[in-house]
């Protein structure tokens, strides 16, 4: 794809915004800012996939690869996977400095620890509320609150004006861990003048506010008190360190010791402790020790709230975990939201738990989760603090972005520009608008390499999964006559020996008739035989399989 992309180099007279991921979708955030011969990257995220042997999807970096010599650096807003998860997959194509606050940088170091190029990366740690320069861009971290430690907005300034890029955020007056939103600095930036607010749109349809972590802590404290004889497991996002602390303190208040189940939880706790958080918690115990305790003396925290097949909760529910086993006295609390697209997996997991006699309690029944994204009252508050000339909604599907633009216009923002991935937007006083549309796409991590999501590899794999496979070995003489019945192998097609025999006979008769004709070339003969086999299978089974034909020329 790289060779087909236009070469776009901003001049000193340009200030551009270009999302390559995260607009018209939730996840895979990748945003660019262009000024004076340089591109600044903000975030480099992934989304997850559980089909066709693919786990991870990233934005297509082809545009950046083509402009590699003009990349000033990569600035990360926070450590969620949809903002930093692509670093270990895509950095070798970009090879630029990475800037992040301490906790996020610790997560990045974990992610690249096993990479042969880890010592080649220039990692520049910036303190909270730190100001720094990346190429021609003056940048400042502005502390916000979210569902992970150290979420930041970015103040990005060039001679053409100031952009505030929100990252992911909400307004939590009592986040329980980490800093509260820096309202004073947001108001000061608003007073200085903001050309554009590029803003999270995830919860634009939600009225009111997202809610505080303190409310969750209070609810979990009460709820766990109603389960004095049960063993309790809390399923939550591993990255929500405040929730981990909440569960640990609630459990301790009820005389329970806490065990972590899931490698990502251990990694997140290690990163938090290394950067000064979670210092006043009782030590976590091992899952082995926890299984020896009476039910009312233990609380597990487990990964897998989204129904991920390889996460801890699914393995326990499927009796595949080597240590932790559920019994009928167990209660699982889902202290998380259902991310769109995961409904089927989550329902299957919860049904499996119930089938095993486990009681489940979700955030739909009890107030044991709050979102990390701003609802309408919080968006309106941000507009009042920052007073931007233009709103550019991101981090949402098309319906989120469109609604966010409408909402902002209703509440005093003069202009809204709705992007999609690839929208090249000119940032200019009184003339911010889309000026071009750049081709975008997706890459996937397949096996041990990155490939385009439109690759023939995945197309074949998709077809194999739905249409089956036929492998045929055909022996012919030097004049093209078939000498014997072809050797045929069917995968994903025939349900019985009788079907196999009947379909083989159908294909043999079709091939024999076809090979009596003349052919321009061996390639022509090969493609014709594939077509004949495909048509024969379709007549018999109404399927269009992948067909692989090997022709053996017998010497006469």
Protein backbone atom coordinates (compact mmCIF):
# COMPACT_ATOMS: atom_id res chain seq x y z
CA UNK A 1 0.00 0.00 0.00
CA UNK A 2 2.94 2.32 0.72
CA UNK A 3 3.78 3.03 -2.92
CA UNK A 4 0.25 4.20 -3.71
CA UNK A 5 0.06 6.87 -0.98
CA UNK A 6 0.62 10.55 -1.69
CA UNK A 7 3.69 12.27 -0.29
CA UNK A 8 2.47 14.94 2.11
CA UNK A 9 5.04 17.13 3.80
CA UNK A 10 3.66 20.05 5.83
CA UNK A 11 5.42 23.39 5.45
CA UNK A 12 5.96 26.04 8.12
CA UNK A 13 2.69 27.58 6.90
CA UNK A 14 0.73 24.39 7.66
CA UNK A 15 -0.75 22.95 10.85
CA UNK A 16 -2.55 19.68 10.13
CA UNK A 17 -4.41 16.95 12.00
CA UNK A 18 -4.63 13.48 10.46
CA UNK A 19 -6.25 10.52 12.27
CA UNK A 20 -5.16 7.14 10.87
CA UNK A 21 -7.02 5.14 13.53
CA UNK A 22 -9.65 5.78 16.19
CA UNK A 23 -12.06 7.92 14.18
CA UNK A 24 -15.21 6.12 13.02
CA UNK A 25 -14.19 3.32 15.39
CA UNK A 26 -13.43 2.78 19.06
CA UNK A 27 -9.90 1.50 19.49
CA UNK A 28 -6.68 1.48 17.42
CA UNK A 29 -5.94 5.14 18.10
CA UNK A 30 -3.30 6.68 15.86
CA UNK A 31 -3.30 10.44 15.35
CA UNK A 32 -0.85 12.68 13.51
CA UNK A 33 -0.11 16.38 13.66
CA UNK A 34 1.82 18.00 10.84
CA UNK A 35 3.88 21.19 10.93
CA UNK A 36 7.09 22.52 9.35
CA UNK A 37 8.35 19.40 7.60
CA UNK A 38 7.48 17.10 10.52
CA UNK A 39 4.82 14.66 11.65
CA UNK A 40 4.08 14.19 15.35
CA UNK A 41 2.43 10.88 16.30
CA UNK A 42 -0.02 10.79 19.21
CA UNK A 43 -0.77 7.26 20.45
CA UNK A 44 -0.25 3.95 18.70
CA UNK A 45 -2.98 1.49 19.63
CA UNK A 46 -4.47 -1.86 18.75
CA UNK A 47 -7.79 -3.62 18.77
CA UNK A 48 -8.32 -7.31 19.42
CA UNK A 49 -9.56 -10.04 17.10
CA UNK A 50 -10.28 -13.69 17.78
CA UNK A 51 -10.90 -15.11 14.31
CA UNK A 52 -8.75 -16.49 11.49
CA UNK A 53 -5.85 -17.08 13.85
CA UNK A 54 -5.39 -13.34 14.43
CA UNK A 55 -5.25 -11.78 17.90
CA UNK A 56 -4.11 -8.22 17.26
CA UNK A 57 -5.08 -5.58 14.69
CA UNK A 58 -3.23 -2.29 14.24
CA UNK A 59 -3.75 0.71 11.99
CA UNK A 60 -1.93 0.45 8.67
CA UNK A 61 1.29 2.48 9.18
CA UNK A 62 2.07 2.76 5.46
CA UNK A 63 1.62 6.54 5.43
CA UNK A 64 4.08 6.88 8.29
CA UNK A 65 6.54 4.45 6.70
CA UNK A 66 6.53 6.61 3.57
CA UNK A 67 7.17 9.70 5.74
CA UNK A 68 9.55 7.97 8.15
CA UNK A 69 12.28 10.60 7.76
CA UNK A 70 9.82 13.31 8.82
CA UNK A 71 8.57 11.72 12.08
CA UNK A 72 9.40 13.96 15.05
CA UNK A 73 8.35 11.47 17.72
CA UNK A 74 5.58 9.44 19.32
CA UNK A 75 3.78 10.92 22.34
CA UNK A 76 1.57 8.60 24.40
CA UNK A 77 -1.42 9.94 26.34
CA UNK A 78 -1.91 6.88 28.59
CA UNK A 79 -1.28 3.15 28.83
CA UNK A 80 -4.46 1.50 27.56
CA UNK A 81 -3.97 -1.07 24.80
CA UNK A 82 -5.94 0.95 22.25
CA UNK A 83 -3.39 3.76 22.74
CA UNK A 84 -0.03 1.97 23.30
CA UNK A 85 -0.61 -1.65 22.29
CA UNK A 86 0.84 -1.33 18.78
CA UNK A 87 4.25 -0.09 19.96
CA UNK A 88 5.85 -3.60 20.04
CA UNK A 89 4.45 -4.37 16.58
CA UNK A 90 4.94 -1.11 14.67
CA UNK A 91 7.92 0.67 16.24
CA UNK A 92 10.45 -1.15 14.01
CA UNK A 93 8.75 0.48 11.00
CA UNK A 94 8.86 3.98 12.58
CA UNK A 95 12.05 4.02 14.71
CA UNK A 96 11.25 7.30 16.44
CA UNK A 97 11.62 8.57 20.03
CA UNK A 98 8.77 7.74 22.44
CA UNK A 99 7.55 10.18 25.09
CA UNK A 100 5.35 9.19 28.05
CA UNK A 101 4.71 9.85 31.74
CA UNK A 102 6.28 7.41 34.25
CA UNK A 103 3.51 4.78 34.56
CA UNK A 104 2.86 4.64 30.81
CA UNK A 105 6.58 4.41 30.15
CA UNK A 106 6.83 1.51 32.58
CA UNK A 107 4.13 -0.33 30.60
CA UNK A 108 5.98 0.38 27.34
CA UNK A 109 9.17 -1.05 28.80
CA UNK A 110 7.27 -4.21 29.76
CA UNK A 111 5.86 -4.52 26.25
CA UNK A 112 9.20 -4.31 24.48
CA UNK A 113 11.27 -6.21 27.07
CA UNK A 114 11.57 -9.31 24.86
CA UNK A 115 12.26 -7.48 21.59
CA UNK A 116 15.75 -7.70 20.08
CA UNK A 117 15.56 -3.98 19.27
CA UNK A 118 14.57 -2.83 22.78
CA UNK A 119 17.89 -1.02 23.38
CA UNK A 120 17.51 0.91 20.13
CA UNK A 121 14.40 2.77 21.30
CA UNK A 122 14.87 6.26 22.69
CA UNK A 123 12.45 6.38 25.64
CA UNK A 124 11.96 9.86 27.07
CA UNK A 125 10.10 9.95 30.37
CA UNK A 126 8.18 13.16 31.07
CA UNK A 127 6.93 14.06 34.57
CA UNK A 128 3.24 14.64 35.23
CA UNK A 129 2.23 18.13 34.02
CA UNK A 130 5.59 18.31 32.23
CA UNK A 131 6.22 20.60 29.25
CA UNK A 132 8.58 19.48 26.49
CA UNK A 133 9.43 20.00 22.86
CA UNK A 134 9.22 17.43 20.07
CA UNK A 135 10.65 18.84 16.87
CA UNK A 136 8.74 22.02 16.15
CA UNK A 137 5.87 21.13 18.49
CA UNK A 138 5.64 22.58 22.01
CA UNK A 139 3.77 20.02 24.12
CA UNK A 140 2.45 19.90 27.66
CA UNK A 141 0.90 17.04 29.59
CA UNK A 142 -2.31 18.08 31.38
CA UNK A 143 -3.48 15.67 34.09
CA UNK A 144 -6.98 14.21 33.70
CA UNK A 145 -8.84 11.26 35.23
CA UNK A 146 -9.78 8.03 33.46
CA UNK A 147 -9.85 4.30 34.26
CA UNK A 148 -6.07 3.95 34.33
CA UNK A 149 -3.20 5.74 36.04
CA UNK A 150 -1.77 8.92 34.56
CA UNK A 151 -4.21 9.78 31.76
CA UNK A 152 -3.27 13.02 30.04
CA UNK A 153 -4.55 15.59 27.65
CA UNK A 154 -1.93 17.12 25.38
CA UNK A 155 -1.57 20.82 24.80
CA UNK A 156 0.08 20.96 21.35
CA UNK A 157 1.27 24.36 20.18
CA UNK A 158 2.79 25.72 16.99
CA UNK A 159 2.93 29.35 15.75
CA UNK A 160 -0.49 28.67 14.19
CA UNK A 161 -2.22 28.10 17.52
CA UNK A 162 -2.97 25.67 20.33
CA UNK A 163 -4.73 22.32 20.06
CA UNK A 164 -5.91 20.43 23.14
CA UNK A 165 -5.98 16.70 22.43
CA UNK A 166 -8.03 15.15 25.23
CA UNK A 167 -6.96 11.52 25.08
CA UNK A 168 -9.39 9.38 27.11
CA UNK A 169 -10.88 11.11 30.13
CA UNK A 170 -13.73 11.81 32.49
CA UNK A 171 -14.16 14.13 35.45
CA UNK A 172 -13.76 12.16 38.67
CA UNK A 173 -13.65 14.42 41.73
CA UNK A 174 -12.41 11.53 43.88
CA UNK A 175 -10.40 9.07 41.76
CA UNK A 176 -9.03 7.30 44.89
CA UNK A 177 -5.60 6.85 43.32
CA UNK A 178 -3.53 9.23 41.23
CA UNK A 179 -4.12 12.91 40.59
CA UNK A 180 -7.50 14.57 40.04
CA UNK A 181 -8.27 16.52 36.87
CA UNK A 182 -6.15 19.68 36.65
CA UNK A 183 -9.10 22.06 36.30
CA UNK A 184 -6.95 25.12 36.99
CA UNK A 185 -4.62 24.36 34.07
CA UNK A 186 -7.50 23.57 31.71
CA UNK A 187 -9.05 26.96 32.48
CA UNK A 188 -5.70 28.69 31.96
CA UNK A 189 -5.30 27.02 28.58
CA UNK A 190 -8.82 28.15 27.72
CA UNK A 191 -7.90 31.71 28.68
CA UNK A 192 -4.81 31.53 26.46
CA UNK A 193 -7.01 30.50 23.51
CA UNK A 194 -7.66 27.08 22.00
CA UNK A 195 -7.86 26.71 18.25
CA UNK A 196 -9.30 23.17 18.41
CA UNK A 197 -10.36 20.63 21.02
CA UNK A 198 -9.86 17.08 19.76
CA UNK A 199 -12.06 15.13 22.11
CA UNK A 200 -13.17 11.67 23.29
CA UNK A 201 -16.70 10.83 22.04
CA UNK A 202 -17.24 7.36 23.54
CA UNK A 203 -20.07 8.20 25.93
CA UNK A 204 -21.68 11.13 24.13
CA UNK A 205 -25.08 9.40 24.23
CA UNK A 206 -24.95 9.06 28.03
CA UNK A 207 -26.62 11.76 30.07
CA UNK A 208 -25.23 13.03 33.37
CA UNK A 209 -21.72 12.09 34.45
CA UNK A 210 -19.64 8.91 34.30
CA UNK A 211 -19.39 8.57 38.09
CA UNK A 212 -16.60 8.31 40.62
CA UNK A 213 -14.40 5.43 41.71
CA UNK A 214 -15.34 6.31 45.29
CA UNK A 215 -18.95 5.34 44.51
CA UNK A 216 -17.75 1.94 43.27
CA UNK A 217 -15.66 1.44 46.39
CA UNK A 218 -18.66 2.19 48.62
CA UNK A 219 -20.93 -0.17 46.65
CA UNK A 220 -18.42 -3.02 46.62
CA UNK A 221 -17.90 -2.61 50.37
CA UNK A 222 -21.63 -3.02 50.96
CA UNK A 223 -22.06 -5.84 48.43
CA UNK A 224 -19.19 -7.93 49.78
CA UNK A 225 -20.74 -7.57 53.22
CA UNK A 226 -23.83 -9.40 51.94
CA UNK A 227 -21.68 -12.41 50.97
CA UNK A 228 -20.10 -13.37 54.33
CA UNK A 229 -19.85 -17.11 53.62
CA UNK A 230 -19.11 -17.04 49.90
CA UNK A 231 -15.81 -17.08 48.10
CA UNK A 232 -15.76 -13.96 45.95
CA UNK A 233 -14.01 -13.32 42.63
CA UNK A 234 -14.01 -9.84 41.10
CA UNK A 235 -13.55 -9.68 37.33
CA UNK A 236 -12.27 -6.33 36.09
CA UNK A 237 -9.92 -4.72 33.58
CA UNK A 238 -6.32 -5.32 34.58
CA UNK A 239 -5.41 -1.76 33.61
CA UNK A 240 -7.88 -0.24 36.09
CA UNK A 241 -5.39 0.11 38.93
CA UNK A 242 -7.85 2.15 41.00
CA UNK A 243 -10.29 -0.77 40.81
CA UNK A 244 -7.58 -3.20 41.88
CA UNK A 245 -6.88 -1.01 44.89
CA UNK A 246 -10.62 -0.72 45.58
CA UNK A 247 -11.11 -4.50 45.60
CA UNK A 248 -8.02 -5.06 47.72
CA UNK A 249 -9.12 -2.54 50.36
CA UNK A 250 -12.73 -3.75 50.35
CA UNK A 251 -11.56 -7.34 50.77
CA UNK A 252 -9.24 -6.37 53.62
CA UNK A 253 -12.10 -4.56 55.35
CA UNK A 254 -14.01 -7.86 55.32
CA UNK A 255 -11.06 -9.93 56.56
CA UNK A 256 -10.24 -11.44 53.18
CA UNK A 257 -6.83 -11.94 51.59
CA UNK A 258 -6.49 -11.18 47.89
CA UNK A 259 -4.96 -13.26 45.08
CA UNK A 260 -4.42 -12.09 41.53
CA UNK A 261 -5.31 -14.50 38.71
CA UNK A 262 -4.02 -13.49 35.30
CA UNK A 263 -0.56 -12.46 34.11
CA UNK A 264 -1.66 -8.99 33.01
CA UNK A 265 -2.78 -8.23 36.56
CA UNK A 266 0.65 -9.07 37.93
CA UNK A 267 2.31 -6.92 35.25
CA UNK A 268 0.02 -3.97 35.95
CA UNK A 269 0.53 -4.18 39.71
CA UNK A 270 4.30 -4.34 39.23
CA UNK A 271 4.22 -1.25 37.01
CA UNK A 272 2.05 0.63 39.50
CA UNK A 273 4.30 -0.22 42.45
CA UNK A 274 7.45 0.63 40.50
CA UNK A 275 6.07 4.13 39.85
CA UNK A 276 4.95 4.85 43.39
CA UNK A 277 1.38 3.59 43.55
CA UNK A 278 -0.30 0.80 45.60
CA UNK A 279 2.21 1.24 48.41
CA UNK A 280 -0.23 0.83 51.33
CA UNK A 281 -1.86 -2.47 50.34
CA UNK A 282 -1.44 -5.77 52.12
CA UNK A 283 0.69 -8.17 50.04
CA UNK A 284 -1.19 -10.25 47.50
CA UNK A 285 -1.08 -13.99 48.12
CA UNK A 286 -0.58 -16.72 45.52
CA UNK A 287 -3.53 -18.49 43.96
CA UNK A 288 -2.24 -21.74 45.51
CA UNK A 289 -2.34 -20.25 49.01
CA UNK A 290 -5.74 -18.73 48.33
CA UNK A 291 -7.23 -22.10 47.40
CA UNK A 292 -6.21 -23.43 50.83
CA UNK A 293 -8.10 -20.70 52.70
CA UNK A 294 -11.75 -20.92 53.85
CA UNK A 295 -14.13 -19.38 51.33
CA UNK A 296 -14.94 -16.36 53.49
CA UNK A 297 -11.25 -15.53 53.93
CA UNK A 298 -10.32 -15.09 50.28
CA UNK A 299 -11.05 -12.82 47.33
CA UNK A 300 -9.73 -13.39 43.82
CA UNK A 301 -9.22 -10.63 41.27
CA UNK A 302 -9.32 -12.14 37.79
CA UNK A 303 -8.84 -11.04 34.21
CA UNK A 304 -11.32 -11.98 31.51
CA UNK A 305 -14.36 -9.78 32.16
CA UNK A 306 -14.86 -9.48 28.39
CA UNK A 307 -15.07 -13.24 27.86
CA UNK A 308 -11.58 -13.56 26.37
CA UNK A 309 -11.00 -17.25 25.73
CA UNK A 310 -7.44 -17.35 27.08
CA UNK A 311 -7.97 -15.06 30.08
CA UNK A 312 -8.08 -16.36 33.63
CA UNK A 313 -11.84 -16.30 34.16
CA UNK A 314 -12.63 -18.33 31.04
CA UNK A 315 -9.96 -20.88 31.94
CA UNK A 316 -11.38 -21.26 35.45
CA UNK A 317 -14.93 -21.53 34.13
CA UNK A 318 -13.80 -24.22 31.70
CA UNK A 319 -11.93 -26.11 34.45
CA UNK A 320 -8.67 -25.50 32.60
CA UNK A 321 -6.88 -23.38 35.20
CA UNK A 322 -4.10 -25.36 36.89
CA UNK A 323 -4.86 -24.01 40.38
CA UNK A 324 -8.12 -22.11 40.78
CA UNK A 325 -11.35 -24.12 40.73
CA UNK A 326 -14.87 -22.77 41.18
CA UNK A 327 -17.52 -24.43 43.33
CA UNK A 328 -21.18 -23.77 44.02
CA UNK A 329 -20.36 -21.40 46.88
CA UNK A 330 -18.52 -19.03 44.53
CA UNK A 331 -19.77 -15.60 43.51
CA UNK A 332 -18.26 -13.70 40.57
CA UNK A 333 -18.70 -9.92 40.47
CA UNK A 334 -18.30 -8.37 37.00
CA UNK A 335 -16.91 -4.95 37.93
CA UNK A 336 -16.66 -3.84 34.32
CA UNK A 337 -18.75 -2.77 31.37
CA UNK A 338 -19.60 -4.84 28.33
CA UNK A 339 -17.51 -3.46 25.47
CA UNK A 340 -19.52 -3.42 22.21
CA UNK A 341 -18.62 -6.46 20.13
CA UNK A 342 -17.90 -8.66 23.14
CA UNK A 343 -21.52 -9.41 24.03
CA UNK A 344 -21.52 -12.94 22.63
CA UNK A 345 -18.30 -13.98 24.40
CA UNK A 346 -19.36 -12.45 27.71
CA UNK A 347 -22.78 -14.11 27.59
CA UNK A 348 -21.18 -17.47 26.83
CA UNK A 349 -18.80 -17.07 29.77
CA UNK A 350 -21.53 -16.04 32.18
CA UNK A 351 -23.77 -18.91 31.07
CA UNK A 352 -20.89 -21.34 31.63
CA UNK A 353 -20.36 -19.99 35.13
CA UNK A 354 -24.05 -20.30 35.98
CA UNK A 355 -24.15 -23.81 34.55
CA UNK A 356 -21.34 -24.67 36.99
CA UNK A 357 -23.37 -23.38 39.90
CA UNK A 358 -21.57 -20.06 40.27
CA UNK A 359 -23.62 -16.98 41.11
CA UNK A 360 -22.80 -13.91 39.01
CA UNK A 361 -23.51 -10.26 39.77
CA UNK A 362 -22.91 -7.65 37.06
CA UNK A 363 -22.78 -3.87 36.91
CA UNK A 364 -26.27 -3.96 35.39
CA UNK A 365 -27.63 -5.21 38.70
CA UNK A 366 -25.37 -3.37 41.17
CA UNK A 367 -23.43 -0.12 40.88
CA UNK A 368 -20.04 -1.80 40.86
CA UNK A 369 -18.52 -0.12 37.81
CA UNK A 370 -18.20 3.39 36.41
CA UNK A 371 -17.07 4.31 32.94
CA UNK A 372 -13.77 6.01 32.19
CA UNK A 373 -15.24 8.24 29.48
CA UNK A 374 -17.14 11.54 29.72
CA UNK A 375 -20.93 11.69 29.61
CA UNK A 376 -22.74 14.76 28.32
CA UNK A 377 -22.47 16.91 31.45
CA UNK A 378 -18.70 16.35 31.52
CA UNK A 379 -18.33 17.21 27.83
CA UNK A 380 -20.25 20.42 28.41
CA UNK A 381 -17.99 21.23 31.38
CA UNK A 382 -14.90 20.73 29.24
CA UNK A 383 -16.25 23.13 26.60
CA UNK A 384 -16.80 25.74 29.31
CA UNK A 385 -13.27 25.35 30.67
CA UNK A 386 -11.44 25.26 27.34
CA UNK A 387 -13.74 27.37 25.10
CA UNK A 388 -12.34 26.01 21.80
CA UNK A 389 -12.99 27.66 18.46
CA UNK A 390 -13.50 24.22 16.89
CA UNK A 391 -14.43 20.77 18.15
CA UNK A 392 -12.99 17.74 16.35
CA UNK A 393 -14.66 14.63 17.81
CA UNK A 394 -12.61 11.40 17.83
CA UNK A 395 -12.57 8.08 19.69
CA UNK A 396 -15.96 6.89 18.49
CA UNK A 397 -17.94 5.30 15.71
CA UNK A 398 -19.59 7.50 13.08
CA UNK A 399 -22.75 7.86 15.17
CA UNK A 400 -20.72 8.99 18.21
CA UNK A 401 -18.76 11.57 16.25
CA UNK A 402 -21.84 12.99 14.55
CA UNK A 403 -23.74 13.26 17.84
CA UNK A 404 -20.74 14.82 19.59
CA UNK A 405 -20.52 17.50 16.90
CA UNK A 406 -24.24 18.28 17.23
CA UNK A 407 -23.97 18.42 21.02
CA UNK A 408 -20.97 20.77 20.97
CA UNK A 409 -22.68 23.16 18.58
CA UNK A 410 -25.71 23.27 20.88
CA UNK A 411 -23.50 24.27 23.81
CA UNK A 412 -21.52 27.15 22.43
CA UNK A 413 -18.76 25.71 20.27
CA UNK A 414 -18.89 27.68 17.02
CA UNK A 415 -17.60 25.03 14.60
CA UNK A 416 -17.30 21.24 14.53
CA UNK A 417 -15.35 19.21 11.98
CA UNK A 418 -16.21 15.50 11.95
CA UNK A 419 -13.29 13.36 10.75
CA UNK A 420 -12.93 9.80 9.60
CA UNK A 421 -9.73 7.82 9.47
CA UNK A 422 -7.68 9.49 6.75
CA UNK A 423 -9.23 12.97 7.04
CA UNK A 424 -6.49 15.55 6.56
CA UNK A 425 -7.73 18.57 8.50
CA UNK A 426 -6.23 22.05 8.24
CA UNK A 427 -6.02 23.67 11.67
CA UNK A 428 -6.38 27.38 11.01
CA UNK A 429 -8.14 30.24 12.74
CA UNK A 430 -11.60 30.71 11.13
CA UNK A 431 -10.79 28.13 8.45
CA UNK A 432 -10.39 24.70 10.08
CA UNK A 433 -11.69 22.14 7.59
CA UNK A 434 -10.96 18.85 5.83
CA UNK A 435 -8.69 19.39 2.84
CA UNK A 436 -7.95 15.82 1.71
CA UNK A 437 -8.70 12.17 2.43
CA UNK A 438 -5.75 9.78 2.78
CA UNK A 439 -6.20 6.02 2.19
CA UNK A 440 -6.11 4.05 5.44
CA UNK A 441 -6.33 0.40 6.38
CA UNK A 442 -5.45 -2.22 8.95
CA UNK A 443 -2.59 -4.57 9.59
CA UNK A 444 -2.76 -7.77 11.64
CA UNK A 445 -0.19 -9.66 13.65
CA UNK A 446 -0.29 -13.14 12.16
CA UNK A 447 2.04 -15.77 13.58
CA UNK A 448 5.27 -13.82 13.86
CA UNK A 449 4.82 -11.06 11.29
CA UNK A 450 2.62 -8.13 10.32
CA UNK A 451 0.47 -8.44 7.19
CA UNK A 452 -2.22 -6.32 5.56
CA UNK A 453 -5.72 -7.29 6.64
CA UNK A 454 -6.64 -7.50 2.93
CA UNK A 455 -3.87 -10.03 2.37
CA UNK A 456 -4.59 -13.13 0.31
CA UNK A 457 -3.48 -15.08 3.40
CA UNK A 458 -6.54 -13.99 5.35
CA UNK A 459 -8.85 -14.16 2.35
CA UNK A 460 -7.85 -17.80 1.82
CA UNK A 461 -8.18 -18.52 5.53
CA UNK A 462 -11.64 -16.99 5.59
CA UNK A 463 -12.71 -19.04 2.58
CA UNK A 464 -11.23 -22.21 4.03
CA UNK A 465 -13.24 -21.67 7.21
CA UNK A 466 -16.54 -21.28 5.37
CA UNK A 467 -16.21 -23.18 2.08
CA UNK A 468 -13.73 -26.01 2.69
CA UNK A 469 -10.79 -27.33 0.69
CA UNK A 470 -10.22 -29.76 -2.17
CA UNK A 471 -6.74 -31.03 -3.05
CA UNK A 472 -6.55 -32.97 -6.31
CA UNK A 473 -3.65 -34.88 -7.85
CA UNK A 474 -4.29 -35.62 -11.53
CA UNK A 475 -2.09 -37.94 -13.62
CA UNK A 476 -2.21 -37.32 -17.37
CA UNK A 477 -0.23 -38.50 -20.40
CA UNK A 478 1.71 -36.35 -22.84
CA UNK A 479 -1.39 -35.65 -24.93
CA UNK A 480 -3.43 -34.59 -21.91
CA UNK A 481 -5.53 -37.70 -21.37
CA UNK A 482 -6.35 -38.61 -17.76
CA UNK A 483 -4.78 -41.98 -16.93
CA UNK A 484 -6.50 -42.83 -13.66
CA UNK A 485 -9.00 -41.55 -11.19
CA UNK A 486 -7.56 -38.47 -9.47
CA UNK A 487 -6.46 -38.62 -5.86
CA UNK A 488 -8.82 -36.29 -3.99
CA UNK A 489 -8.66 -34.97 -0.45
CA UNK A 490 -11.61 -33.06 1.00
CA UNK A 491 -11.47 -30.88 4.13
CA UNK A 492 -14.58 -29.34 5.64
CA UNK A 493 -16.88 -30.69 2.92
CA UNK A 494 -17.99 -34.31 3.12
CA UNK A 495 -19.92 -35.66 6.09
CA UNK A 496 -19.64 -39.38 5.27
CA UNK A 497 -17.78 -41.93 3.19
CA UNK A 498 -20.80 -42.12 0.88
CA UNK A 499 -20.64 -38.39 0.22
CA UNK A 500 -16.89 -38.61 -0.39
CA UNK A 501 -17.34 -41.41 -2.92
CA UNK A 502 -20.19 -39.68 -4.73
CA UNK A 503 -18.39 -36.34 -4.93
CA UNK A 504 -15.17 -38.03 -6.10
CA UNK A 505 -17.09 -39.74 -8.90
CA UNK A 506 -18.72 -36.44 -9.91
CA UNK A 507 -15.32 -34.71 -10.09
CA UNK A 508 -13.70 -37.60 -11.97
CA UNK A 509 -16.33 -37.59 -14.70
CA UNK A 510 -16.09 -33.81 -15.07
CA UNK A 511 -12.29 -33.91 -15.29
CA UNK A 512 -12.22 -36.70 -17.83
CA UNK A 513 -14.56 -34.80 -20.11
CA UNK A 514 -12.61 -31.57 -19.70
CA UNK A 515 -9.18 -33.05 -20.36
CA UNK A 516 -10.26 -34.28 -23.77
CA UNK A 517 -10.07 -30.67 -24.99
CA UNK A 518 -6.93 -28.90 -26.08
CA UNK A 519 -5.17 -26.20 -24.02
CA UNK A 520 -2.97 -23.25 -24.87
CA UNK A 521 -0.60 -23.88 -21.98
CA UNK A 522 -0.08 -25.83 -18.79
CA UNK A 523 -1.26 -22.81 -16.79
CA UNK A 524 -4.44 -22.72 -18.86
CA UNK A 525 -5.01 -26.43 -18.17
CA UNK A 526 -4.38 -25.96 -14.43
CA UNK A 527 -6.84 -23.07 -14.04
CA UNK A 528 -9.47 -24.96 -16.06
CA UNK A 529 -9.17 -28.02 -13.84
CA UNK A 530 -9.58 -25.88 -10.72
CA UNK A 531 -12.71 -24.32 -12.17
CA UNK A 532 -14.13 -27.72 -13.12
CA UNK A 533 -13.60 -29.11 -9.62
CA UNK A 534 -15.09 -25.99 -8.03
CA UNK A 535 -18.18 -26.26 -10.24
CA UNK A 536 -18.58 -29.97 -9.52
CA UNK A 537 -18.47 -29.37 -5.77
CA UNK A 538 -20.97 -26.54 -6.11
CA UNK A 539 -23.38 -28.75 -8.09
CA UNK A 540 -23.17 -31.46 -5.47
CA UNK A 541 -22.89 -29.50 -2.18
CA UNK A 542 -23.58 -25.85 -3.12
CA UNK A 543 -20.16 -24.85 -1.77
CA UNK A 544 -17.30 -22.97 -3.43
CA UNK A 545 -14.15 -24.42 -1.88
CA UNK A 546 -10.52 -23.45 -2.17
CA UNK A 547 -9.12 -25.83 -4.81
CA UNK A 548 -5.50 -26.90 -5.14
CA UNK A 549 -4.58 -29.05 -8.18
CA UNK A 550 -1.31 -30.92 -8.80
CA UNK A 551 -0.76 -32.24 -12.31
CA UNK A 552 1.63 -35.16 -12.83
CA UNK A 553 2.76 -35.81 -16.42
CA UNK A 554 3.33 -39.55 -16.89
CA UNK A 555 6.07 -40.58 -19.28
CA UNK A 556 4.80 -42.97 -21.97
